[in-house]
Amino acid sequence: GFPEVITYGLPPRVAQSCLNRIGQQVSAGKPPRVGATIDRVFQGLRGYLLAASDTSDLVVAGQAYPETIAAQLVWPDEHGRFPWDSGYNRRRCPQPLIGPPPARRAG
């Protein structure tokens, strides 16, 4: 019942570790919320689960489940900023977004 989770740009071991932590939360009955920041995924930094609108990279899941629902685990730069935040380090932390970024809050 939880969306497939995909991430981009991380070294394979780091990505696997992060995705495993999300899987552990789901298995423990405490799944992270899609469309929100999540703790305890990256060492000392929060991640964000972005609702994915493009699932074309999930080939195997798409073959098994034609109506694949997915979320992208978006990781922050070294200062905790996400790709939609001002000052995000795109050069050091490149990652495509496969869904619309969250709306900016006023204030």
N, C-alpha and C. Protein backbone atom coordinates (compact mmCIF):
# COMPACT_ATOMS: atom_id res chain seq x y z
N GLY A 1 0.78 -1.21 0.00
CA GLY A 1 0.00 0.00 0.00
C GLY A 1 0.83 1.27 0.00
N PHE A 2 2.13 1.19 0.14
CA PHE A 2 2.99 2.38 0.13
C PHE A 2 3.55 2.56 -1.28
N PRO A 3 3.70 3.81 -1.75
CA PRO A 3 4.23 4.03 -3.10
C PRO A 3 5.64 3.46 -3.28
N GLU A 4 5.98 3.14 -4.51
CA GLU A 4 7.36 2.81 -4.84
C GLU A 4 8.18 4.07 -4.59
N VAL A 5 9.39 3.93 -4.11
CA VAL A 5 10.23 5.10 -3.82
C VAL A 5 11.47 5.04 -4.70
N ILE A 6 11.80 6.17 -5.30
CA ILE A 6 12.95 6.29 -6.19
C ILE A 6 13.77 7.49 -5.75
N THR A 7 15.06 7.43 -5.97
CA THR A 7 15.92 8.57 -5.69
C THR A 7 16.98 8.63 -6.77
N TYR A 8 17.55 9.79 -6.95
CA TYR A 8 18.55 10.01 -8.00
C TYR A 8 19.80 10.69 -7.42
N GLY A 9 20.94 10.39 -8.04
CA GLY A 9 22.16 11.15 -7.78
C GLY A 9 22.97 10.74 -6.57
N LEU A 10 22.49 9.82 -5.79
CA LEU A 10 23.24 9.37 -4.61
C LEU A 10 24.11 8.17 -4.99
N PRO A 11 25.24 8.00 -4.32
CA PRO A 11 26.01 6.77 -4.53
C PRO A 11 25.11 5.56 -4.20
N PRO A 12 25.25 4.46 -4.92
CA PRO A 12 24.35 3.31 -4.72
C PRO A 12 24.24 2.84 -3.28
N ARG A 13 25.33 2.78 -2.54
CA ARG A 13 25.25 2.30 -1.15
C ARG A 13 24.43 3.26 -0.28
N VAL A 14 24.60 4.55 -0.50
CA VAL A 14 23.86 5.54 0.28
C VAL A 14 22.38 5.46 -0.07
N ALA A 15 22.07 5.39 -1.37
CA ALA A 15 20.68 5.29 -1.81
C ALA A 15 20.02 4.04 -1.22
N GLN A 16 20.71 2.92 -1.28
CA GLN A 16 20.16 1.67 -0.75
C GLN A 16 19.88 1.79 0.74
N SER A 17 20.79 2.38 1.47
CA SER A 17 20.62 2.54 2.91
C SER A 17 19.41 3.43 3.22
N CYS A 18 19.28 4.53 2.49
CA CYS A 18 18.15 5.45 2.71
C CYS A 18 16.83 4.78 2.38
N LEU A 19 16.78 4.08 1.25
CA LEU A 19 15.54 3.41 0.85
C LEU A 19 15.20 2.29 1.84
N ASN A 20 16.22 1.60 2.36
CA ASN A 20 15.97 0.56 3.36
C ASN A 20 15.38 1.16 4.64
N ARG A 21 15.85 2.35 5.04
CA ARG A 21 15.29 2.99 6.24
C ARG A 21 13.81 3.32 6.05
N ILE A 22 13.46 3.78 4.87
CA ILE A 22 12.04 4.05 4.59
C ILE A 22 11.26 2.74 4.65
N GLY A 23 11.80 1.68 4.06
CA GLY A 23 11.15 0.38 4.11
C GLY A 23 10.95 -0.11 5.53
N GLN A 24 11.93 0.14 6.39
CA GLN A 24 11.80 -0.26 7.80
C GLN A 24 10.69 0.52 8.49
N GLN A 25 10.56 1.80 8.17
CA GLN A 25 9.48 2.60 8.75
C GLN A 25 8.12 2.08 8.30
N VAL A 26 8.02 1.75 7.01
CA VAL A 26 6.77 1.22 6.48
C VAL A 26 6.44 -0.11 7.15
N SER A 27 7.43 -1.00 7.25
CA SER A 27 7.23 -2.31 7.87
C SER A 27 6.83 -2.20 9.34
N ALA A 28 7.33 -1.17 10.01
CA ALA A 28 7.02 -0.96 11.42
C ALA A 28 5.65 -0.31 11.62
N GLY A 29 4.94 -0.05 10.52
CA GLY A 29 3.63 0.58 10.64
C GLY A 29 3.68 2.08 10.83
N LYS A 30 4.84 2.69 10.57
CA LYS A 30 5.00 4.14 10.71
C LYS A 30 5.54 4.72 9.41
N PRO A 31 4.78 4.57 8.31
CA PRO A 31 5.28 5.05 7.02
C PRO A 31 5.40 6.57 7.00
N PRO A 32 6.44 7.07 6.34
CA PRO A 32 6.55 8.53 6.20
C PRO A 32 5.44 9.03 5.28
N ARG A 33 5.12 10.29 5.41
CA ARG A 33 4.05 10.88 4.61
C ARG A 33 4.62 11.43 3.31
N VAL A 34 4.01 11.09 2.19
CA VAL A 34 4.39 11.65 0.90
C VAL A 34 3.94 13.11 0.89
N GLY A 35 4.82 13.99 0.40
CA GLY A 35 4.51 15.41 0.39
C GLY A 35 4.97 16.10 1.65
N ALA A 36 5.93 15.49 2.34
CA ALA A 36 6.40 16.06 3.60
C ALA A 36 7.88 15.72 3.81
N THR A 37 8.50 16.48 4.69
CA THR A 37 9.88 16.16 5.05
C THR A 37 9.86 14.94 5.96
N ILE A 38 10.96 14.20 5.92
CA ILE A 38 11.08 13.02 6.75
C ILE A 38 12.43 13.04 7.45
N ASP A 39 12.42 12.59 8.68
CA ASP A 39 13.64 12.51 9.48
C ASP A 39 14.15 11.08 9.46
N ARG A 40 15.34 10.91 10.00
CA ARG A 40 15.94 9.59 10.18
C ARG A 40 16.14 8.83 8.87
N VAL A 41 16.44 9.55 7.80
CA VAL A 41 16.76 8.89 6.54
C VAL A 41 18.20 9.20 6.16
N PHE A 42 18.57 10.47 6.23
CA PHE A 42 19.94 10.89 5.96
C PHE A 42 20.60 11.23 7.29
N GLN A 43 21.86 11.00 7.38
CA GLN A 43 22.56 11.27 8.64
C GLN A 43 22.53 12.76 8.96
N GLY A 44 21.74 13.12 9.95
CA GLY A 44 21.68 14.49 10.43
C GLY A 44 20.89 15.45 9.55
N LEU A 45 20.43 15.03 8.40
CA LEU A 45 19.65 15.90 7.51
C LEU A 45 18.32 15.24 7.19
N ARG A 46 17.32 16.05 6.97
CA ARG A 46 16.02 15.50 6.61
C ARG A 46 15.93 15.32 5.10
N GLY A 47 15.05 14.44 4.69
CA GLY A 47 14.76 14.23 3.28
C GLY A 47 13.35 14.74 3.00
N TYR A 48 12.92 14.59 1.78
CA TYR A 48 11.56 14.98 1.41
C TYR A 48 11.00 13.92 0.47
N LEU A 49 9.78 13.47 0.71
CA LEU A 49 9.12 12.53 -0.19
C LEU A 49 8.19 13.30 -1.10
N LEU A 50 8.60 13.41 -2.34
CA LEU A 50 7.88 14.17 -3.36
C LEU A 50 6.98 13.23 -4.15
N ALA A 51 5.71 13.56 -4.28
CA ALA A 51 4.81 12.75 -5.10
C ALA A 51 5.29 12.79 -6.54
N ALA A 52 5.52 11.62 -7.12
CA ALA A 52 6.06 11.53 -8.49
C ALA A 52 4.93 11.56 -9.51
N SER A 53 5.12 12.37 -10.53
CA SER A 53 4.16 12.40 -11.63
C SER A 53 4.70 11.67 -12.85
N ASP A 54 6.00 11.36 -12.85
CA ASP A 54 6.63 10.62 -13.94
C ASP A 54 7.22 9.33 -13.36
N THR A 55 6.63 8.21 -13.71
CA THR A 55 7.10 6.93 -13.19
C THR A 55 7.80 6.10 -14.26
N SER A 56 8.21 6.72 -15.34
CA SER A 56 8.79 5.98 -16.47
C SER A 56 10.10 5.27 -16.11
N ASP A 57 10.81 5.73 -15.10
CA ASP A 57 12.06 5.05 -14.70
C ASP A 57 11.80 3.79 -13.88
N LEU A 58 10.59 3.58 -13.45
CA LEU A 58 10.25 2.40 -12.65
C LEU A 58 9.75 1.28 -13.57
N VAL A 59 10.63 0.82 -14.44
CA VAL A 59 10.26 -0.13 -15.48
C VAL A 59 9.74 -1.44 -14.91
N VAL A 60 10.49 -2.05 -14.01
CA VAL A 60 10.08 -3.34 -13.46
C VAL A 60 8.79 -3.21 -12.67
N ALA A 61 8.70 -2.20 -11.82
CA ALA A 61 7.46 -1.99 -11.05
C ALA A 61 6.29 -1.73 -12.00
N GLY A 62 6.54 -0.99 -13.07
CA GLY A 62 5.48 -0.70 -14.04
C GLY A 62 4.99 -1.94 -14.76
N GLN A 63 5.89 -2.92 -14.94
CA GLN A 63 5.47 -4.18 -15.57
C GLN A 63 4.60 -5.00 -14.62
N ALA A 64 4.93 -4.96 -13.34
CA ALA A 64 4.17 -5.72 -12.35
C ALA A 64 2.87 -5.02 -11.97
N TYR A 65 2.92 -3.70 -11.89
CA TYR A 65 1.77 -2.90 -11.48
C TYR A 65 1.55 -1.78 -12.49
N PRO A 66 0.65 -1.98 -13.43
CA PRO A 66 0.44 -0.96 -14.47
C PRO A 66 0.09 0.42 -13.92
N GLU A 67 -0.57 0.48 -12.80
CA GLU A 67 -0.93 1.76 -12.18
C GLU A 67 0.05 2.07 -11.05
N THR A 68 1.32 2.19 -11.37
CA THR A 68 2.35 2.41 -10.36
C THR A 68 2.22 3.79 -9.73
N ILE A 69 2.19 3.82 -8.42
CA ILE A 69 2.21 5.07 -7.67
C ILE A 69 3.59 5.17 -7.06
N ALA A 70 4.22 6.33 -7.20
CA ALA A 70 5.60 6.47 -6.74
C ALA A 70 5.82 7.79 -6.02
N ALA A 71 6.89 7.80 -5.26
CA ALA A 71 7.36 9.01 -4.58
C ALA A 71 8.87 9.08 -4.78
N GLN A 72 9.37 10.28 -4.88
CA GLN A 72 10.81 10.48 -5.01
C GLN A 72 11.38 10.93 -3.68
N LEU A 73 12.41 10.23 -3.24
CA LEU A 73 13.14 10.65 -2.06
C LEU A 73 14.13 11.73 -2.51
N VAL A 74 13.85 12.96 -2.14
CA VAL A 74 14.70 14.10 -2.52
C VAL A 74 15.63 14.37 -1.35
N TRP A 75 16.89 14.53 -1.64
CA TRP A 75 17.88 14.74 -0.59
C TRP A 75 18.37 16.18 -0.63
N PRO A 76 18.78 16.68 0.52
CA PRO A 76 19.20 18.08 0.62
C PRO A 76 20.68 18.25 0.29
N ASP A 77 21.07 19.50 0.06
CA ASP A 77 22.50 19.78 -0.10
C ASP A 77 23.15 19.81 1.28
N GLU A 78 24.41 20.15 1.34
CA GLU A 78 25.14 20.11 2.61
C GLU A 78 24.63 21.11 3.64
N HIS A 79 23.78 22.05 3.21
CA HIS A 79 23.22 23.04 4.13
C HIS A 79 21.75 22.75 4.45
N GLY A 80 21.25 21.58 4.01
CA GLY A 80 19.88 21.20 4.31
C GLY A 80 18.85 21.81 3.38
N ARG A 81 19.29 22.41 2.26
CA ARG A 81 18.36 23.01 1.29
C ARG A 81 17.99 21.99 0.22
N PHE A 82 16.75 22.08 -0.24
CA PHE A 82 16.25 21.21 -1.29
C PHE A 82 16.32 21.92 -2.65
N PRO A 83 16.17 21.17 -3.75
CA PRO A 83 16.30 21.78 -5.08
C PRO A 83 15.37 22.97 -5.33
N TRP A 84 14.27 23.07 -4.63
CA TRP A 84 13.34 24.19 -4.84
C TRP A 84 13.65 25.36 -3.91
N ASP A 85 14.64 25.21 -3.03
CA ASP A 85 15.02 26.29 -2.12
C ASP A 85 16.08 27.19 -2.76
N SER A 86 15.99 28.46 -2.43
CA SER A 86 17.00 29.42 -2.89
C SER A 86 18.36 29.04 -2.34
N GLY A 87 19.36 29.06 -3.18
CA GLY A 87 20.72 28.77 -2.75
C GLY A 87 21.09 27.30 -2.79
N TYR A 88 20.19 26.44 -3.23
CA TYR A 88 20.50 25.00 -3.32
C TYR A 88 21.72 24.78 -4.22
N ASN A 89 22.61 23.91 -3.81
CA ASN A 89 23.85 23.64 -4.52
C ASN A 89 23.61 22.60 -5.64
N ARG A 90 23.12 23.07 -6.78
CA ARG A 90 22.81 22.18 -7.91
C ARG A 90 24.05 21.52 -8.49
N ARG A 91 25.15 22.22 -8.42
CA ARG A 91 26.39 21.71 -8.99
C ARG A 91 26.90 20.49 -8.21
N ARG A 92 26.84 20.57 -6.90
CA ARG A 92 27.34 19.48 -6.06
C ARG A 92 26.28 18.40 -5.83
N CYS A 93 25.02 18.76 -5.93
CA CYS A 93 23.93 17.83 -5.60
C CYS A 93 22.90 17.74 -6.72
N PRO A 94 23.31 17.32 -7.92
CA PRO A 94 22.34 17.26 -9.01
C PRO A 94 21.35 16.11 -8.84
N GLN A 95 20.09 16.44 -9.01
CA GLN A 95 19.04 15.41 -9.00
C GLN A 95 17.83 15.96 -9.73
N PRO A 96 17.30 15.22 -10.69
CA PRO A 96 16.09 15.68 -11.36
C PRO A 96 14.90 15.54 -10.42
N LEU A 97 13.89 16.33 -10.64
CA LEU A 97 12.63 16.18 -9.89
C LEU A 97 11.62 15.55 -10.83
N ILE A 98 10.96 14.48 -10.38
CA ILE A 98 9.99 13.79 -11.24
C ILE A 98 8.55 14.08 -10.80
N GLY A 99 8.42 15.15 -10.08
CA GLY A 99 7.10 15.61 -9.65
C GLY A 99 7.18 17.09 -9.35
N PRO A 100 6.05 17.74 -9.20
CA PRO A 100 6.07 19.18 -8.91
C PRO A 100 6.60 19.44 -7.49
N PRO A 101 7.46 20.45 -7.36
CA PRO A 101 7.97 20.78 -6.02
C PRO A 101 6.84 21.30 -5.14
N PRO A 102 7.03 21.24 -3.85
CA PRO A 102 6.00 21.74 -2.95
C PRO A 102 5.81 23.24 -3.12
N ALA A 103 4.60 23.69 -2.83
CA ALA A 103 4.31 25.12 -2.91
C ALA A 103 5.11 25.85 -1.86
N ARG A 104 5.61 26.99 -2.23
CA ARG A 104 6.37 27.81 -1.27
C ARG A 104 5.41 28.44 -0.28
N ARG A 105 5.82 28.47 0.95
CA ARG A 105 4.99 29.07 1.99
C ARG A 105 5.29 30.54 2.10
N ALA A 106 4.27 31.32 2.30
CA ALA A 106 4.46 32.74 2.55
C ALA A 106 4.97 32.95 3.97
N GLY A 107 5.73 33.98 4.14
CA GLY A 107 6.16 34.23 5.51
C GLY A 107 7.57 34.43 5.54
